[in-house]
């Protein structure tokens, strides 16, 4: 079983190196369902694994000039406050509730990854630096999620840096590793007051993840990002549904209320997307001027 755990852990480093996130989305299920750890121990261990692996990946991105140190340090420092608070708060929340929240965050992350990017976003003027108010607000929120459910928050940090900060995607990925490392270690400090970590297993998984990070850094620029984003998004959907199934039990999924709610939410989402698409489609008026002249012209005068 330990061999399977280590092989799966290689994916942690690959995900962090290529996407700038997704490490904890893989680490927590690996530790819970393959390594047999409790939910709280898995969350705390994942923060250590993701933090160390992010530092290793950060070195490769920094050498390539894909890290904005000032923005990353400010964002990371603010996020550390939220991460530490989230880690302390997790002590008073049942482990099952944490894993359910983690699975829901996985599904939300997958939805963001699978959503088609707006073409208009590419024509927006880039901001030279992230406004301080956005750093504080988003840093605290992302940091709290990090500490509470053991997520590095890369899929929250990267969009914030790319959209609000105006950073190129490759630079946002590299800078996010700096933020993830800072938040992960801060969240780990909050968990250590109530959780004991199996350091032998944690170091072994970290070593495997570092190997994956080195592999991912070699292929980061060769894989089409859109294809990789969609493939990983569907993988996260499968993992999220699996975690929810394990935590909520089969009775939840066979309940008619569950399926009724799912169908209602799906119908609402489709209706919302259709209405939104119609609002974005510009109305094109037919060339009525030429037609009206033709219709008003007597037949005898038409050649």
Foldseek 3Di string as FASTA:
>chain_A
DLVVLLVQLLVLLLCCLQQLFDNLLSQQCSCCVVVVDQLLQSLLLSLVLLLVSLVLSLVLLVVVVLEDVVQLVLLLVLLLVLLLVLQQVLVVDDSLVLLLVSLVVLLVLLVVLQDDDDPVQVVDDAAQAADPVLSNVLSNVQLNNCLNNNTLSRSVQQCCCCRRRVGPSSSSSSSSSSSSNSSSVSSSVNNVVPDDHPVVSSVSSSVSSNNSNVVNNVCSVPDPPSVVSNVVSVVSNVSSVVSCCVSVDPVCVPDPVNVVVVVVVVVVVVVVVVVVVVVPDDDDDDPVVVVVVVVPDDPVPPD
